[in-house]
Amino acid sequence: MKFNRSTLLYTIAALITIYGLVTGRFIFILLAFPLGLFNYTKDNSDKK
């Protein structure tokens, strides 16, 4: 099963959120890397 980059990022974000809810210590590292960043880097030159 092939995972793309955004699926991996959403999985990491979910794990960090669950960790924060369980322990009460939130890690805000994902604020530095917006989840939509990799959706805009695709080459869209095929669109007409």
C-alpha atoms as a PDB file:
ATOM      1  CA  MET A   1       0.000   0.000   0.000  1.00  0.00           C
ATOM      2  CA  LYS A   2       1.483   3.290  -1.108  1.00  0.00           C
ATOM      3  CA  PHE A   3       1.128   6.349   1.107  1.00  0.00           C
ATOM      4  CA  ASN A   4       1.516   9.839  -0.264  1.00  0.00           C
ATOM      5  CA  ARG A   5       3.167  12.660   1.628  1.00  0.00           C
ATOM      6  CA  SER A   6      -0.016  14.319   2.886  1.00  0.00           C
ATOM      7  CA  THR A   7      -1.307  11.043   4.352  1.00  0.00           C
ATOM      8  CA  LEU A   8       1.930  10.680   6.275  1.00  0.00           C
ATOM      9  CA  LEU A   9       1.674  14.254   7.584  1.00  0.00           C
ATOM     10  CA  TYR A  10      -1.936  13.778   8.686  1.00  0.00           C
ATOM     11  CA  THR A  11      -0.964  10.570  10.496  1.00  0.00           C
ATOM     12  CA  ILE A  12       1.843  12.341  12.336  1.00  0.00           C
ATOM     13  CA  ALA A  13      -0.512  15.216  13.202  1.00  0.00           C
ATOM     14  CA  ALA A  14      -3.065  12.758  14.605  1.00  0.00           C
ATOM     15  CA  LEU A  15      -0.431  11.009  16.727  1.00  0.00           C
ATOM     16  CA  ILE A  16       0.819  14.330  18.123  1.00  0.00           C
ATOM     17  CA  THR A  17      -2.756  15.388  18.906  1.00  0.00           C
ATOM     18  CA  ILE A  18      -3.529  12.124  20.709  1.00  0.00           C
ATOM     19  CA  TYR A  19      -0.263  12.422  22.655  1.00  0.00           C
ATOM     20  CA  GLY A  20      -1.217  15.969  23.675  1.00  0.00           C
ATOM     21  CA  LEU A  21      -4.702  14.973  24.779  1.00  0.00           C
ATOM     22  CA  VAL A  22      -3.436  12.052  26.852  1.00  0.00           C
ATOM     23  CA  THR A  23      -0.484  13.744  28.550  1.00  0.00           C
ATOM     24  CA  GLY A  24      -1.648  17.361  28.588  1.00  0.00           C
ATOM     25  CA  ARG A  25       1.597  18.467  26.933  1.00  0.00           C
ATOM     26  CA  PHE A  26       0.997  19.706  23.424  1.00  0.00           C
ATOM     27  CA  ILE A  27       3.713  19.857  20.797  1.00  0.00           C
ATOM     28  CA  PHE A  28       3.187  22.707  18.359  1.00  0.00           C
ATOM     29  CA  ILE A  29       5.857  21.714  15.845  1.00  0.00           C
ATOM     30  CA  LEU A  30       3.248  21.324  13.097  1.00  0.00           C
ATOM     31  CA  LEU A  31       2.548  25.056  13.238  1.00  0.00           C
ATOM     32  CA  ALA A  32       5.897  25.548  11.526  1.00  0.00           C
ATOM     33  CA  PHE A  33       4.936  23.161   8.716  1.00  0.00           C
ATOM     34  CA  PRO A  34       1.406  23.797   7.412  1.00  0.00           C
ATOM     35  CA  LEU A  35      -0.291  20.612   6.273  1.00  0.00           C
ATOM     36  CA  GLY A  36      -1.346  22.098   2.945  1.00  0.00           C
ATOM     37  CA  LEU A  37       2.208  23.031   1.982  1.00  0.00           C
ATOM     38  CA  PHE A  38       2.812  19.901  -0.073  1.00  0.00           C
ATOM     39  CA  ASN A  39      -0.486  20.180  -1.937  1.00  0.00           C
ATOM     40  CA  TYR A  40       0.625  23.439  -3.555  1.00  0.00           C
ATOM     41  CA  THR A  41       4.023  22.185  -4.673  1.00  0.00           C
ATOM     42  CA  LYS A  42       2.594  19.800  -7.268  1.00  0.00           C
ATOM     43  CA  ASP A  43       3.147  20.632 -10.911  1.00  0.00           C
ATOM     44  CA  ASN A  44      -0.199  21.771 -12.306  1.00  0.00           C
ATOM     45  CA  SER A  45       1.002  22.597 -15.813  1.00  0.00           C
ATOM     46  CA  ASP A  46      -1.254  19.860 -17.253  1.00  0.00           C
ATOM     47  CA  LYS A  47      -4.436  21.800 -16.495  1.00  0.00           C
ATOM     48  CA  LYS A  48      -6.080  23.586 -19.410  1.00  0.00           C
END
